[in-house]
Amino acid sequence: KLINHYNDDAIHKRAIELFRGLRVNDRTKVYEDWKSVLT
């Protein structure tokens, strides 16, 4: 809702920036390394 349902462009842009990092984790590199098991 904060990202998509506000007419205020400043709130929209800031919400995107604040929540962008939620799926970024130090373990991303571990995941990329272990993707070889999929083969």
ModelCIF file with pLDDT and N, C-alpha, C, O atoms, coordinates in Angstrom:
data_MODEL
#
_entry.id   MODEL 
#
_entity.id                         1 
_entity.type                       polymer 
_entity.pdbx_number_of_molecules   1 
#
_entity_poly.entity_id                      1 
_entity_poly.type                           'polypeptide(L)' 
_entity_poly.nstd_linkage                   no 
_entity_poly.nstd_monomer                   no 
_entity_poly.pdbx_seq_one_letter_code       KLINHYNDDAIHKRAIELFRGLRVNDRTKVYEDWKSVLT 
_entity_poly.pdbx_seq_one_letter_code_can   KLINHYNDDAIHKRAIELFRGLRVNDRTKVYEDWKSVLT 
_entity_poly.pdbx_strand_id                 A 
#
loop_
_entity_poly_seq.entity_id 
_entity_poly_seq.num 
_entity_poly_seq.mon_id 
_entity_poly_seq.hetero 
1 1  LYS n 
1 2  LEU n 
1 3  ILE n 
1 4  ASN n 
1 5  HIS n 
1 6  TYR n 
1 7  ASN n 
1 8  ASP n 
1 9  ASP n 
1 10 ALA n 
1 11 ILE n 
1 12 HIS n 
1 13 LYS n 
1 14 ARG n 
1 15 ALA n 
1 16 ILE n 
1 17 GLU n 
1 18 LEU n 
1 19 PHE n 
1 20 ARG n 
1 21 GLY n 
1 22 LEU n 
1 23 ARG n 
1 24 VAL n 
1 25 ASN n 
1 26 ASP n 
1 27 ARG n 
1 28 THR n 
1 29 LYS n 
1 30 VAL n 
1 31 TYR n 
1 32 GLU n 
1 33 ASP n 
1 34 TRP n 
1 35 LYS n 
1 36 SER n 
1 37 VAL n 
1 38 LEU n 
1 39 THR n 
#
_struct_asym.id          A 
_struct_asym.entity_id   1 
#
loop_
_ma_qa_metric.id 
_ma_qa_metric.mode 
_ma_qa_metric.name 
_ma_qa_metric.software_group_id 
_ma_qa_metric.type 
1 global pLDDT . pLDDT 
2 local  pLDDT . pLDDT 
#
_ma_qa_metric_global.metric_id      1 
_ma_qa_metric_global.metric_value   77.77 
_ma_qa_metric_global.model_id       1 
_ma_qa_metric_global.ordinal_id     1 
#
loop_
_ma_qa_metric_local.label_asym_id 
_ma_qa_metric_local.label_comp_id 
_ma_qa_metric_local.label_seq_id 
_ma_qa_metric_local.metric_id 
_ma_qa_metric_local.metric_value 
_ma_qa_metric_local.model_id 
_ma_qa_metric_local.ordinal_id 
A LYS 1  2 76.00 1 1  
A LEU 2  2 82.00 1 2  
A ILE 3  2 79.00 1 3  
A ASN 4  2 71.00 1 4  
A HIS 5  2 65.00 1 5  
A TYR 6  2 65.00 1 6  
A ASN 7  2 68.00 1 7  
A ASP 8  2 75.00 1 8  
A ASP 9  2 80.00 1 9  
A ALA 10 2 83.00 1 10 
A ILE 11 2 85.00 1 11 
A HIS 12 2 83.00 1 12 
A LYS 13 2 86.00 1 13 
A ARG 14 2 88.00 1 14 
A ALA 15 2 87.00 1 15 
A ILE 16 2 85.00 1 16 
A GLU 17 2 85.00 1 17 
A LEU 18 2 86.00 1 18 
A PHE 19 2 83.00 1 19 
A ARG 20 2 74.00 1 20 
A GLY 21 2 59.00 1 21 
A LEU 22 2 61.00 1 22 
A ARG 23 2 51.00 1 23 
A VAL 24 2 47.00 1 24 
A ASN 25 2 49.00 1 25 
A ASP 26 2 57.00 1 26 
A ARG 27 2 70.00 1 27 
A THR 28 2 80.00 1 28 
A LYS 29 2 80.00 1 29 
A VAL 30 2 84.00 1 30 
A TYR 31 2 85.00 1 31 
A GLU 32 2 87.00 1 32 
A ASP 33 2 88.00 1 33 
A TRP 34 2 91.00 1 34 
A LYS 35 2 91.00 1 35 
A SER 36 2 91.00 1 36 
A VAL 37 2 92.00 1 37 
A LEU 38 2 92.00 1 38 
A THR 39 2 92.00 1 39 
#
loop_
_atom_site.group_PDB 
_atom_site.id 
_atom_site.type_symbol 
_atom_site.label_atom_id 
_atom_site.label_alt_id 
_atom_site.label_comp_id 
_atom_site.label_asym_id 
_atom_site.label_entity_id 
_atom_site.label_seq_id 
_atom_site.pdbx_PDB_ins_code 
_atom_site.Cartn_x 
_atom_site.Cartn_y 
_atom_site.Cartn_z 
_atom_site.occupancy 
_atom_site.B_iso_or_equiv 
_atom_site.pdbx_formal_charge 
_atom_site.auth_seq_id 
_atom_site.auth_comp_id 
_atom_site.auth_asym_id 
_atom_site.auth_atom_id 
_atom_site.pdbx_PDB_model_num 
ATOM 1   N N  . LYS A 1 1  ? 0.828  -1.207  0.000   1.00 76.00 ? 1  LYS A N  1 
ATOM 2   C CA . LYS A 1 1  ? 0.000  0.000   0.000   1.00 76.00 ? 1  LYS A CA 1 
ATOM 3   C C  . LYS A 1 1  ? 0.861  1.254   0.000   1.00 76.00 ? 1  LYS A C  1 
ATOM 4   O O  . LYS A 1 1  ? 0.567  2.213   -0.714  1.00 76.00 ? 1  LYS A O  1 
ATOM 5   N N  . LEU A 1 2  ? 1.914  1.250   0.792   1.00 82.00 ? 2  LEU A N  1 
ATOM 6   C CA . LEU A 1 2  ? 2.794  2.405   0.857   1.00 82.00 ? 2  LEU A CA 1 
ATOM 7   C C  . LEU A 1 2  ? 3.515  2.645   -0.466  1.00 82.00 ? 2  LEU A C  1 
ATOM 8   O O  . LEU A 1 2  ? 3.791  3.785   -0.839  1.00 82.00 ? 2  LEU A O  1 
ATOM 9   N N  . ILE A 1 3  ? 3.815  1.558   -1.165  1.00 79.00 ? 3  ILE A N  1 
ATOM 10  C CA . ILE A 1 3  ? 4.540  1.690   -2.434  1.00 79.00 ? 3  ILE A CA 1 
ATOM 11  C C  . ILE A 1 3  ? 3.603  2.055   -3.583  1.00 79.00 ? 3  ILE A C  1 
ATOM 12  O O  . ILE A 1 3  ? 3.947  2.883   -4.427  1.00 79.00 ? 3  ILE A O  1 
ATOM 13  N N  . ASN A 1 4  ? 2.423  1.441   -3.616  1.00 71.00 ? 4  ASN A N  1 
ATOM 14  C CA . ASN A 1 4  ? 1.603  1.505   -4.837  1.00 71.00 ? 4  ASN A CA 1 
ATOM 15  C C  . ASN A 1 4  ? 0.334  2.338   -4.751  1.00 71.00 ? 4  ASN A C  1 
ATOM 16  O O  . ASN A 1 4  ? -0.243 2.660   -5.789  1.00 71.00 ? 4  ASN A O  1 
ATOM 17  N N  . HIS A 1 5  ? -0.120 2.699   -3.568  1.00 65.00 ? 5  HIS A N  1 
ATOM 18  C CA . HIS A 1 5  ? -1.450 3.285   -3.466  1.00 65.00 ? 5  HIS A CA 1 
ATOM 19  C C  . HIS A 1 5  ? -1.457 4.722   -2.977  1.00 65.00 ? 5  HIS A C  1 
ATOM 20  O O  . HIS A 1 5  ? -2.482 5.205   -2.496  1.00 65.00 ? 5  HIS A O  1 
ATOM 21  N N  . TYR A 1 6  ? -0.346 5.404   -3.088  1.00 65.00 ? 6  TYR A N  1 
ATOM 22  C CA . TYR A 1 6  ? -0.294 6.802   -2.687  1.00 65.00 ? 6  TYR A CA 1 
ATOM 23  C C  . TYR A 1 6  ? -0.121 7.682   -3.916  1.00 65.00 ? 6  TYR A C  1 
ATOM 24  O O  . TYR A 1 6  ? 0.688  7.389   -4.796  1.00 65.00 ? 6  TYR A O  1 
ATOM 25  N N  . ASN A 1 7  ? -0.893 8.764   -3.963  1.00 68.00 ? 7  ASN A N  1 
ATOM 26  C CA . ASN A 1 7  ? -0.747 9.711   -5.055  1.00 68.00 ? 7  ASN A CA 1 
ATOM 27  C C  . ASN A 1 7  ? 0.507  10.570  -4.890  1.00 68.00 ? 7  ASN A C  1 
ATOM 28  O O  . ASN A 1 7  ? 1.027  11.146  -5.845  1.00 68.00 ? 7  ASN A O  1 
ATOM 29  N N  . ASP A 1 8  ? 0.973  10.631  -3.637  1.00 75.00 ? 8  ASP A N  1 
ATOM 30  C CA . ASP A 1 8  ? 2.156  11.439  -3.338  1.00 75.00 ? 8  ASP A CA 1 
ATOM 31  C C  . ASP A 1 8  ? 3.395  10.746  -3.914  1.00 75.00 ? 8  ASP A C  1 
ATOM 32  O O  . ASP A 1 8  ? 3.782  9.669   -3.460  1.00 75.00 ? 8  ASP A O  1 
ATOM 33  N N  . ASP A 1 9  ? 4.006  11.374  -4.912  1.00 80.00 ? 9  ASP A N  1 
ATOM 34  C CA . ASP A 1 9  ? 5.144  10.757  -5.592  1.00 80.00 ? 9  ASP A CA 1 
ATOM 35  C C  . ASP A 1 9  ? 6.340  10.596  -4.660  1.00 80.00 ? 9  ASP A C  1 
ATOM 36  O O  . ASP A 1 9  ? 7.097  9.632   -4.773  1.00 80.00 ? 9  ASP A O  1 
ATOM 37  N N  . ALA A 1 10 ? 6.507  11.544  -3.738  1.00 83.00 ? 10 ALA A N  1 
ATOM 38  C CA . ALA A 1 10 ? 7.647  11.470  -2.811  1.00 83.00 ? 10 ALA A CA 1 
ATOM 39  C C  . ALA A 1 10 ? 7.524  10.258  -1.901  1.00 83.00 ? 10 ALA A C  1 
ATOM 40  O O  . ALA A 1 10 ? 8.517  9.580   -1.635  1.00 83.00 ? 10 ALA A O  1 
ATOM 41  N N  . ILE A 1 11 ? 6.298  9.973   -1.413  1.00 85.00 ? 11 ILE A N  1 
ATOM 42  C CA . ILE A 1 11 ? 6.075  8.800   -0.566  1.00 85.00 ? 11 ILE A CA 1 
ATOM 43  C C  . ILE A 1 11 ? 6.311  7.528   -1.369  1.00 85.00 ? 11 ILE A C  1 
ATOM 44  O O  . ILE A 1 11 ? 6.938  6.588   -0.880  1.00 85.00 ? 11 ILE A O  1 
ATOM 45  N N  . HIS A 1 12 ? 5.815  7.500   -2.589  1.00 83.00 ? 12 HIS A N  1 
ATOM 46  C CA . HIS A 1 12 ? 6.000  6.330   -3.459  1.00 83.00 ? 12 HIS A CA 1 
ATOM 47  C C  . HIS A 1 12 ? 7.484  6.011   -3.642  1.00 83.00 ? 12 HIS A C  1 
ATOM 48  O O  . HIS A 1 12 ? 7.901  4.866   -3.463  1.00 83.00 ? 12 HIS A O  1 
ATOM 49  N N  . LYS A 1 13 ? 8.273  7.013   -3.995  1.00 86.00 ? 13 LYS A N  1 
ATOM 50  C CA . LYS A 1 13 ? 9.703  6.789   -4.257  1.00 86.00 ? 13 LYS A CA 1 
ATOM 51  C C  . LYS A 1 13 ? 10.440 6.386   -2.983  1.00 86.00 ? 13 LYS A C  1 
ATOM 52  O O  . LYS A 1 13 ? 11.303 5.509   -3.000  1.00 86.00 ? 13 LYS A O  1 
ATOM 53  N N  . ARG A 1 14 ? 10.085 7.043   -1.878  1.00 88.00 ? 14 ARG A N  1 
ATOM 54  C CA . ARG A 1 14 ? 10.791 6.725   -0.638  1.00 88.00 ? 14 ARG A CA 1 
ATOM 55  C C  . ARG A 1 14 ? 10.448 5.320   -0.156  1.00 88.00 ? 14 ARG A C  1 
ATOM 56  O O  . ARG A 1 14 ? 11.313 4.613   0.362   1.00 88.00 ? 14 ARG A O  1 
ATOM 57  N N  . ALA A 1 15 ? 9.181  4.910   -0.325  1.00 87.00 ? 15 ALA A N  1 
ATOM 58  C CA . ALA A 1 15 ? 8.775  3.559   0.073   1.00 87.00 ? 15 ALA A CA 1 
ATOM 59  C C  . ALA A 1 15 ? 9.556  2.515   -0.716  1.00 87.00 ? 15 ALA A C  1 
ATOM 60  O O  . ALA A 1 15 ? 10.016 1.525   -0.148  1.00 87.00 ? 15 ALA A O  1 
ATOM 61  N N  . ILE A 1 16 ? 9.707  2.729   -2.009  1.00 85.00 ? 16 ILE A N  1 
ATOM 62  C CA . ILE A 1 16 ? 10.474 1.797   -2.836  1.00 85.00 ? 16 ILE A CA 1 
ATOM 63  C C  . ILE A 1 16 ? 11.894 1.670   -2.310  1.00 85.00 ? 16 ILE A C  1 
ATOM 64  O O  . ILE A 1 16 ? 12.438 0.570   -2.218  1.00 85.00 ? 16 ILE A O  1 
ATOM 65  N N  . GLU A 1 17 ? 12.492 2.808   -1.965  1.00 85.00 ? 17 GLU A N  1 
ATOM 66  C CA . GLU A 1 17 ? 13.880 2.800   -1.498  1.00 85.00 ? 17 GLU A CA 1 
ATOM 67  C C  . GLU A 1 17 ? 14.006 2.112   -0.140  1.00 85.00 ? 17 GLU A C  1 
ATOM 68  O O  . GLU A 1 17 ? 14.927 1.325   0.073   1.00 85.00 ? 17 GLU A O  1 
ATOM 69  N N  . LEU A 1 18 ? 13.078 2.408   0.785   1.00 86.00 ? 18 LEU A N  1 
ATOM 70  C CA . LEU A 1 18 ? 13.171 1.853   2.133   1.00 86.00 ? 18 LEU A CA 1 
ATOM 71  C C  . LEU A 1 18 ? 12.959 0.341   2.154   1.00 86.00 ? 18 LEU A C  1 
ATOM 72  O O  . LEU A 1 18 ? 13.585 -0.366  2.943   1.00 86.00 ? 18 LEU A O  1 
ATOM 73  N N  . PHE A 1 19 ? 12.074 -0.154  1.285   1.00 83.00 ? 19 PHE A N  1 
ATOM 74  C CA . PHE A 1 19 ? 11.749 -1.578  1.312   1.00 83.00 ? 19 PHE A CA 1 
ATOM 75  C C  . PHE A 1 19 ? 12.538 -2.380  0.284   1.00 83.00 ? 19 PHE A C  1 
ATOM 76  O O  . PHE A 1 19 ? 12.386 -3.597  0.185   1.00 83.00 ? 19 PHE A O  1 
ATOM 77  N N  . ARG A 1 20 ? 13.378 -1.692  -0.478  1.00 74.00 ? 20 ARG A N  1 
ATOM 78  C CA . ARG A 1 20 ? 14.163 -2.380  -1.504  1.00 74.00 ? 20 ARG A CA 1 
ATOM 79  C C  . ARG A 1 20 ? 15.069 -3.441  -0.899  1.00 74.00 ? 20 ARG A C  1 
ATOM 80  O O  . ARG A 1 20 ? 15.234 -4.515  -1.477  1.00 74.00 ? 20 ARG A O  1 
ATOM 81  N N  . GLY A 1 21 ? 15.648 -3.158  0.239   1.00 59.00 ? 21 GLY A N  1 
ATOM 82  C CA . GLY A 1 21 ? 16.644 -4.054  0.816   1.00 59.00 ? 21 GLY A CA 1 
ATOM 83  C C  . GLY A 1 21 ? 16.089 -5.249  1.559   1.00 59.00 ? 21 GLY A C  1 
ATOM 84  O O  . GLY A 1 21 ? 16.857 -6.046  2.099   1.00 59.00 ? 21 GLY A O  1 
ATOM 85  N N  . LEU A 1 22 ? 14.778 -5.395  1.600   1.00 61.00 ? 22 LEU A N  1 
ATOM 86  C CA . LEU A 1 22 ? 14.203 -6.492  2.388   1.00 61.00 ? 22 LEU A CA 1 
ATOM 87  C C  . LEU A 1 22 ? 14.656 -7.855  1.901   1.00 61.00 ? 22 LEU A C  1 
ATOM 88  O O  . LEU A 1 22 ? 14.820 -8.774  2.703   1.00 61.00 ? 22 LEU A O  1 
ATOM 89  N N  . ARG A 1 23 ? 14.859 -7.998  0.617   1.00 51.00 ? 23 ARG A N  1 
ATOM 90  C CA . ARG A 1 23 ? 15.208 -9.296  0.065   1.00 51.00 ? 23 ARG A CA 1 
ATOM 91  C C  . ARG A 1 23 ? 16.696 -9.413  -0.235  1.00 51.00 ? 23 ARG A C  1 
ATOM 92  O O  . ARG A 1 23 ? 17.138 -10.358 -0.888  1.00 51.00 ? 23 ARG A O  1 
ATOM 93  N N  . VAL A 1 24 ? 17.446 -8.461  0.240   1.00 47.00 ? 24 VAL A N  1 
ATOM 94  C CA . VAL A 1 24 ? 18.895 -8.522  0.066   1.00 47.00 ? 24 VAL A CA 1 
ATOM 95  C C  . VAL A 1 24 ? 19.495 -9.041  1.354   1.00 47.00 ? 24 VAL A C  1 
ATOM 96  O O  . VAL A 1 24 ? 19.226 -8.502  2.427   1.00 47.00 ? 24 VAL A O  1 
ATOM 97  N N  . ASN A 1 25 ? 20.291 -10.065 1.262   1.00 49.00 ? 25 ASN A N  1 
ATOM 98  C CA . ASN A 1 25 ? 20.805 -10.709 2.464   1.00 49.00 ? 25 ASN A CA 1 
ATOM 99  C C  . ASN A 1 25 ? 22.242 -11.150 2.197   1.00 49.00 ? 25 ASN A C  1 
ATOM 100 O O  . ASN A 1 25 ? 22.601 -11.496 1.071   1.00 49.00 ? 25 ASN A O  1 
ATOM 101 N N  . ASP A 1 26 ? 23.042 -11.132 3.232   1.00 57.00 ? 26 ASP A N  1 
ATOM 102 C CA . ASP A 1 26 ? 24.426 -11.565 3.062   1.00 57.00 ? 26 ASP A CA 1 
ATOM 103 C C  . ASP A 1 26 ? 24.513 -12.990 2.547   1.00 57.00 ? 26 ASP A C  1 
ATOM 104 O O  . ASP A 1 26 ? 25.537 -13.403 2.003   1.00 57.00 ? 26 ASP A O  1 
ATOM 105 N N  . ARG A 1 27 ? 23.436 -13.737 2.722   1.00 70.00 ? 27 ARG A N  1 
ATOM 106 C CA . ARG A 1 27 ? 23.472 -15.138 2.318   1.00 70.00 ? 27 ARG A CA 1 
ATOM 107 C C  . ARG A 1 27 ? 23.082 -15.345 0.861   1.00 70.00 ? 27 ARG A C  1 
ATOM 108 O O  . ARG A 1 27 ? 22.988 -16.474 0.380   1.00 70.00 ? 27 ARG A O  1 
ATOM 109 N N  . THR A 1 28 ? 22.860 -14.236 0.170   1.00 80.00 ? 28 THR A N  1 
ATOM 110 C CA . THR A 1 28 ? 22.529 -14.357 -1.253  1.00 80.00 ? 28 THR A CA 1 
ATOM 111 C C  . THR A 1 28 ? 23.648 -15.061 -2.011  1.00 80.00 ? 28 THR A C  1 
ATOM 112 O O  . THR A 1 28 ? 23.396 -15.882 -2.893  1.00 80.00 ? 28 THR A O  1 
ATOM 113 N N  . LYS A 1 29 ? 24.889 -14.727 -1.655  1.00 80.00 ? 29 LYS A N  1 
ATOM 114 C CA . LYS A 1 29 ? 26.036 -15.361 -2.330  1.00 80.00 ? 29 LYS A CA 1 
ATOM 115 C C  . LYS A 1 29 ? 26.066 -16.868 -2.063  1.00 80.00 ? 29 LYS A C  1 
ATOM 116 O O  . LYS A 1 29 ? 26.430 -17.656 -2.936  1.00 80.00 ? 29 LYS A O  1 
ATOM 117 N N  . VAL A 1 30 ? 25.677 -17.258 -0.839  1.00 84.00 ? 30 VAL A N  1 
ATOM 118 C CA . VAL A 1 30 ? 25.634 -18.686 -0.514  1.00 84.00 ? 30 VAL A CA 1 
ATOM 119 C C  . VAL A 1 30 ? 24.581 -19.373 -1.390  1.00 84.00 ? 30 VAL A C  1 
ATOM 120 O O  . VAL A 1 30 ? 24.797 -20.467 -1.911  1.00 84.00 ? 30 VAL A O  1 
ATOM 121 N N  . TYR A 1 31 ? 23.448 -18.703 -1.534  1.00 85.00 ? 31 TYR A N  1 
ATOM 122 C CA . TYR A 1 31 ? 22.385 -19.249 -2.373  1.00 85.00 ? 31 TYR A CA 1 
ATOM 123 C C  . TYR A 1 31 ? 22.872 -19.420 -3.812  1.00 85.00 ? 31 TYR A C  1 
ATOM 124 O O  . TYR A 1 31 ? 22.640 -20.457 -4.434  1.00 85.00 ? 31 TYR A O  1 
ATOM 125 N N  . GLU A 1 32 ? 23.540 -18.407 -4.331  1.00 87.00 ? 32 GLU A N  1 
ATOM 126 C CA . GLU A 1 32 ? 24.033 -18.482 -5.706  1.00 87.00 ? 32 GLU A CA 1 
ATOM 127 C C  . GLU A 1 32 ? 25.017 -19.643 -5.849  1.00 87.00 ? 32 GLU A C  1 
ATOM 128 O O  . GLU A 1 32 ? 25.033 -20.333 -6.868  1.00 87.00 ? 32 GLU A O  1 
ATOM 129 N N  . ASP A 1 33 ? 25.840 -19.849 -4.813  1.00 88.00 ? 33 ASP A N  1 
ATOM 130 C CA . ASP A 1 33 ? 26.829 -20.935 -4.857  1.00 88.00 ? 33 ASP A CA 1 
ATOM 131 C C  . ASP A 1 33 ? 26.148 -22.301 -4.847  1.00 88.00 ? 33 ASP A C  1 
ATOM 132 O O  . ASP A 1 33 ? 26.581 -23.227 -5.533  1.00 88.00 ? 33 ASP A O  1 
ATOM 133 N N  . TRP A 1 34 ? 25.077 -22.415 -4.058  1.00 91.00 ? 34 TRP A N  1 
ATOM 134 C CA . TRP A 1 34 ? 24.410 -23.708 -3.909  1.00 91.00 ? 34 TRP A CA 1 
ATOM 135 C C  . TRP A 1 34 ? 23.415 -23.995 -5.034  1.00 91.00 ? 34 TRP A C  1 
ATOM 136 O O  . TRP A 1 34 ? 22.851 -25.088 -5.073  1.00 91.00 ? 34 TRP A O  1 
ATOM 137 N N  . LYS A 1 35 ? 23.189 -23.081 -5.922  1.00 91.00 ? 35 LYS A N  1 
ATOM 138 C CA . LYS A 1 35 ? 22.261 -23.321 -7.031  1.00 91.00 ? 35 LYS A CA 1 
ATOM 139 C C  . LYS A 1 35 ? 22.732 -24.456 -7.933  1.00 91.00 ? 35 LYS A C  1 
ATOM 140 O O  . LYS A 1 35 ? 21.963 -24.989 -8.733  1.00 91.00 ? 35 LYS A O  1 
ATOM 141 N N  . SER A 1 36 ? 24.022 -24.823 -7.792  1.00 91.00 ? 36 SER A N  1 
ATOM 142 C CA . SER A 1 36 ? 24.528 -25.929 -8.599  1.00 91.00 ? 36 SER A CA 1 
ATOM 143 C C  . SER A 1 36 ? 23.823 -27.245 -8.271  1.00 91.00 ? 36 SER A C  1 
ATOM 144 O O  . SER A 1 36 ? 23.804 -28.152 -9.103  1.00 91.00 ? 36 SER A O  1 
ATOM 145 N N  . VAL A 1 37 ? 23.235 -27.368 -7.052  1.00 92.00 ? 37 VAL A N  1 
ATOM 146 C CA . VAL A 1 37 ? 22.554 -28.616 -6.687  1.00 92.00 ? 37 VAL A CA 1 
ATOM 147 C C  . VAL A 1 37 ? 21.307 -28.839 -7.547  1.00 92.00 ? 37 VAL A C  1 
ATOM 148 O O  . VAL A 1 37 ? 20.794 -29.955 -7.625  1.00 92.00 ? 37 VAL A O  1 
ATOM 149 N N  . LEU A 1 38 ? 20.823 -27.778 -8.190  1.00 92.00 ? 38 LEU A N  1 
ATOM 150 C CA . LEU A 1 38 ? 19.618 -27.899 -9.012  1.00 92.00 ? 38 LEU A CA 1 
ATOM 151 C C  . LEU A 1 38 ? 19.866 -28.743 -10.252 1.00 92.00 ? 38 LEU A C  1 
ATOM 152 O O  . LEU A 1 38 ? 18.924 -29.204 -10.897 1.00 92.00 ? 38 LEU A O  1 
ATOM 153 N N  . THR A 1 39 ? 21.139 -28.943 -10.582 1.00 92.00 ? 39 THR A N  1 
ATOM 154 C CA . THR A 1 39 ? 21.478 -29.763 -11.755 1.00 92.00 ? 39 THR A CA 1 
ATOM 155 C C  . THR A 1 39 ? 21.657 -31.231 -11.389 1.00 92.00 ? 39 THR A C  1 
ATOM 156 O O  . THR A 1 39 ? 21.943 -32.054 -12.259 1.00 92.00 ? 39 THR A O  1 
#
